[in-house]
């Protein structure tokens, strides 16, 4: 299933400066909630004190855990977590109290191609389930779903920051030619991160959260 939920969490990306008056991001998956809370805490306290974070996950246990952690860290009410998948959110933001577009999205989807799963290091494969790692035949199933829905979620000029498999940047350029793709290397010199700036949707997206 190409839904943005379990296994599609948030990733912190180094070397990128966010310059937006209101910084909002989405993430999912219980193992990634700590990173989402960390990034939001940093942005809210050091970049813009009006920053808000909306997290999403279709797993109610993940939503409860993220909400409890936000309370303990003193990040509510500017951090909220909803039990919803990105497909539903993209057509019903208002039902979740979201009345405007996001500045950016930071998902960390499963991106390993099915043919590469058997070659994963044991310390990775042993502790992560298939849905958290495998992104389908070419590793792009969940990424495609996220990028298809991005124009209806981010404001004009808003971006999606993704951890990907090397080679996915070229696929994204080919399959989503109306967007703009910038690739970044990891510390091993591999193309590992993509910044995708979505085209403006028909009719535009605006407003304040």
Protein backbone atom coordinates (compact mmCIF):
# COMPACT_ATOMS: atom_id res chain seq x y z
CA UNK A 1 0.00 0.00 0.00
CA UNK A 2 1.33 3.44 -0.87
CA UNK A 3 -0.02 5.22 2.18
CA UNK A 4 1.91 7.68 4.32
CA UNK A 5 1.78 5.99 7.69
CA UNK A 6 3.66 3.22 9.43
CA UNK A 7 7.23 3.22 8.19
CA UNK A 8 6.96 6.67 6.64
CA UNK A 9 8.44 8.86 9.33
CA UNK A 10 10.33 12.10 9.58
CA UNK A 11 14.00 12.60 8.84
CA UNK A 12 16.27 15.41 10.00
CA UNK A 13 18.30 16.68 7.05
CA UNK A 14 21.59 18.50 7.61
CA UNK A 15 22.93 21.30 5.48
CA UNK A 16 19.57 22.83 4.54
CA UNK A 17 18.43 26.18 5.91
CA UNK A 18 14.70 26.69 6.35
CA UNK A 19 13.61 30.28 5.95
CA UNK A 20 9.87 30.55 6.40
CA UNK A 21 7.75 32.71 8.71
CA UNK A 22 5.75 29.72 9.92
CA UNK A 23 7.40 26.32 9.83
CA UNK A 24 5.18 23.30 9.65
CA UNK A 25 6.00 19.67 8.93
CA UNK A 26 4.33 16.28 8.86
CA UNK A 27 5.68 12.96 9.93
CA UNK A 28 4.45 9.49 10.75
CA UNK A 29 5.50 6.26 12.48
CA UNK A 30 6.16 5.72 16.15
CA UNK A 31 9.93 5.21 15.72
CA UNK A 32 10.28 8.63 14.12
CA UNK A 33 8.14 10.68 16.48
CA UNK A 34 11.16 11.61 18.60
CA UNK A 35 12.85 13.19 15.58
CA UNK A 36 9.72 15.14 14.69
CA UNK A 37 9.47 16.46 18.23
CA UNK A 38 13.18 17.32 18.27
CA UNK A 39 13.02 19.28 15.03
CA UNK A 40 9.88 21.09 16.06
CA UNK A 41 11.36 21.99 19.43
CA UNK A 42 14.47 23.40 17.77
CA UNK A 43 12.54 25.36 15.14
CA UNK A 44 10.05 26.76 17.65
CA UNK A 45 12.73 27.86 20.10
CA UNK A 46 15.55 28.98 17.83
CA UNK A 47 14.09 29.86 14.42
CA UNK A 48 10.53 31.14 14.89
CA UNK A 49 8.50 31.06 18.09
CA UNK A 50 5.30 30.74 16.05
CA UNK A 51 6.36 27.46 14.47
CA UNK A 52 3.77 24.69 14.46
CA UNK A 53 4.04 21.00 13.69
CA UNK A 54 1.27 18.72 12.49
CA UNK A 55 2.19 15.04 12.68
CA UNK A 56 0.09 12.30 11.11
CA UNK A 57 -0.09 8.54 11.49
CA UNK A 58 -2.90 6.03 10.87
CA UNK A 59 -1.71 3.99 13.87
CA UNK A 60 -3.57 5.14 17.05
CA UNK A 61 -0.79 3.83 19.32
CA UNK A 62 1.76 5.98 17.48
CA UNK A 63 -0.48 9.03 17.76
CA UNK A 64 -0.94 8.49 21.50
CA UNK A 65 2.80 8.06 22.08
CA UNK A 66 3.69 11.17 20.08
CA UNK A 67 1.05 13.21 21.93
CA UNK A 68 2.28 12.05 25.34
CA UNK A 69 5.86 12.91 24.43
CA UNK A 70 4.83 16.36 23.21
CA UNK A 71 3.08 17.02 26.52
CA UNK A 72 6.11 15.93 28.53
CA UNK A 73 8.39 18.14 26.44
CA UNK A 74 6.11 21.17 26.73
CA UNK A 75 5.57 21.40 22.96
CA UNK A 76 1.78 21.47 22.96
CA UNK A 77 -0.38 23.07 21.65
CA UNK A 78 2.01 23.96 18.79
CA UNK A 79 2.65 20.24 18.16
CA UNK A 80 -0.33 18.02 17.36
CA UNK A 81 -0.57 14.49 16.00
CA UNK A 82 -3.58 13.24 14.05
CA UNK A 83 -4.68 9.68 13.29
CA UNK A 84 -4.95 10.04 9.52
CA UNK A 85 -3.14 9.06 6.32
CA UNK A 86 -1.82 11.64 3.87
CA UNK A 87 -4.38 10.64 1.23
CA UNK A 88 -7.24 11.60 3.55
CA UNK A 89 -5.50 14.70 4.88
CA UNK A 90 -4.92 16.10 1.40
CA UNK A 91 -8.67 16.27 0.76
CA UNK A 92 -9.83 17.09 4.28
CA UNK A 93 -7.38 19.33 6.17
CA UNK A 94 -10.21 21.40 7.61
CA UNK A 95 -11.61 18.39 9.47
CA UNK A 96 -8.39 18.39 11.48
CA UNK A 97 -8.35 22.11 12.19
CA UNK A 98 -5.83 22.87 9.43
CA UNK A 99 -7.06 25.87 7.47
CA UNK A 100 -4.02 26.66 5.34
CA UNK A 101 -1.14 25.09 3.46
CA UNK A 102 2.07 23.86 5.04
CA UNK A 103 5.43 25.52 4.54
CA UNK A 104 7.10 22.16 4.10
CA UNK A 105 6.70 18.42 4.65
CA UNK A 106 9.42 16.16 6.04
CA UNK A 107 8.44 12.50 5.58
CA UNK A 108 10.91 9.61 5.77
CA UNK A 109 9.25 6.96 3.62
CA UNK A 110 10.40 3.39 3.09
CA UNK A 111 12.54 3.54 -0.04
CA UNK A 112 14.49 0.28 -0.37
CA UNK A 113 13.66 -1.55 -3.64
CA UNK A 114 12.26 -5.05 -3.13
CA UNK A 115 15.26 -6.60 -4.91
CA UNK A 116 17.66 -4.97 -2.41
CA UNK A 117 15.92 -6.14 0.76
CA UNK A 118 17.87 -9.40 1.07
CA UNK A 119 21.18 -7.49 1.00
CA UNK A 120 20.37 -5.19 3.93
CA UNK A 121 22.72 -5.27 6.90
CA UNK A 122 21.46 -7.61 9.65
CA UNK A 123 21.37 -4.78 12.19
CA UNK A 124 18.89 -2.99 9.92
CA UNK A 125 16.75 -5.89 8.73
CA UNK A 126 16.53 -7.52 12.17
CA UNK A 127 14.98 -4.52 13.92
CA UNK A 128 12.71 -3.01 11.25
CA UNK A 129 9.64 -4.57 9.71
CA UNK A 130 9.21 -4.84 5.96
CA UNK A 131 6.82 -1.92 5.76
CA UNK A 132 9.32 0.42 7.37
CA UNK A 133 12.01 -0.37 4.80
CA UNK A 134 10.65 -1.67 1.50
CA UNK A 135 9.19 0.91 -0.87
CA UNK A 136 7.90 -1.57 -3.43
CA UNK A 137 9.49 -2.94 -6.62
CA UNK A 138 11.59 0.18 -7.27
CA UNK A 139 11.41 1.70 -3.78
CA UNK A 140 9.18 4.54 -4.95
CA UNK A 141 5.64 3.44 -3.99
CA UNK A 142 5.24 5.63 -0.90
CA UNK A 143 7.35 8.44 -2.33
CA UNK A 144 5.01 8.67 -5.33
CA UNK A 145 1.99 8.88 -3.03
CA UNK A 146 3.55 11.68 -0.99
CA UNK A 147 4.58 13.71 -4.04
CA UNK A 148 1.20 13.26 -5.73
CA UNK A 149 -0.51 14.80 -2.71
CA UNK A 150 2.12 17.45 -1.93
CA UNK A 151 0.69 20.21 -4.17
CA UNK A 152 -2.58 20.16 -2.25
CA UNK A 153 -0.79 20.35 1.12
CA UNK A 154 2.10 22.82 0.76
CA UNK A 155 1.88 26.51 -0.04
CA UNK A 156 3.22 27.78 -3.40
CA UNK A 157 6.98 27.37 -3.25
CA UNK A 158 6.69 24.87 -0.40
CA UNK A 159 8.93 21.81 -0.41
CA UNK A 160 9.09 18.16 0.56
CA UNK A 161 12.35 16.90 2.10
CA UNK A 162 12.90 13.16 1.59
CA UNK A 163 15.48 10.54 2.43
CA UNK A 164 15.68 8.35 -0.69
CA UNK A 165 17.60 5.61 -2.42
CA UNK A 166 20.42 6.74 -4.74
CA UNK A 167 18.84 7.14 -8.17
CA UNK A 168 15.43 8.17 -6.90
CA UNK A 169 16.17 11.83 -7.58
CA UNK A 170 16.38 11.10 -11.30
CA UNK A 171 13.14 9.08 -11.15
CA UNK A 172 11.37 11.91 -9.37
CA UNK A 173 12.51 14.38 -12.02
CA UNK A 174 11.17 12.09 -14.74
CA UNK A 175 7.84 11.26 -13.09
CA UNK A 176 7.12 14.70 -11.58
CA UNK A 177 8.53 17.09 -14.21
CA UNK A 178 6.47 20.06 -13.00
CA UNK A 179 8.32 20.10 -9.68
CA UNK A 180 11.89 21.11 -8.92
CA UNK A 181 14.37 18.57 -7.52
CA UNK A 182 17.62 19.23 -5.66
CA UNK A 183 19.70 16.28 -4.42
CA UNK A 184 22.07 16.12 -1.44
CA UNK A 185 24.79 13.63 -0.54
CA UNK A 186 25.09 11.75 2.74
CA UNK A 187 28.37 11.50 4.67
CA UNK A 188 29.41 8.52 2.54
CA UNK A 189 29.09 10.58 -0.63
CA UNK A 190 25.90 8.88 -1.87
CA UNK A 191 22.94 10.82 -3.18
CA UNK A 192 20.59 10.25 -0.24
CA UNK A 193 18.32 13.27 0.21
CA UNK A 194 15.93 15.08 -2.10
CA UNK A 195 14.34 18.49 -1.80
CA UNK A 196 11.26 18.52 -4.01
CA UNK A 197 9.52 21.84 -4.56
CA UNK A 198 5.97 21.17 -5.63
CA UNK A 199 4.14 23.04 -8.40
CA UNK A 200 1.32 25.28 -7.28
CA UNK A 201 -2.07 23.52 -7.41
CA UNK A 202 -4.85 24.83 -9.59
CA UNK A 203 -6.47 27.72 -7.74
CA UNK A 204 -3.45 28.15 -5.44
CA UNK A 205 -3.06 27.56 -1.72
CA UNK A 206 -2.74 30.31 0.82
CA UNK A 207 -3.72 31.48 4.26
CA UNK A 208 -2.31 31.36 7.77
CA UNK A 209 -2.36 28.46 10.17
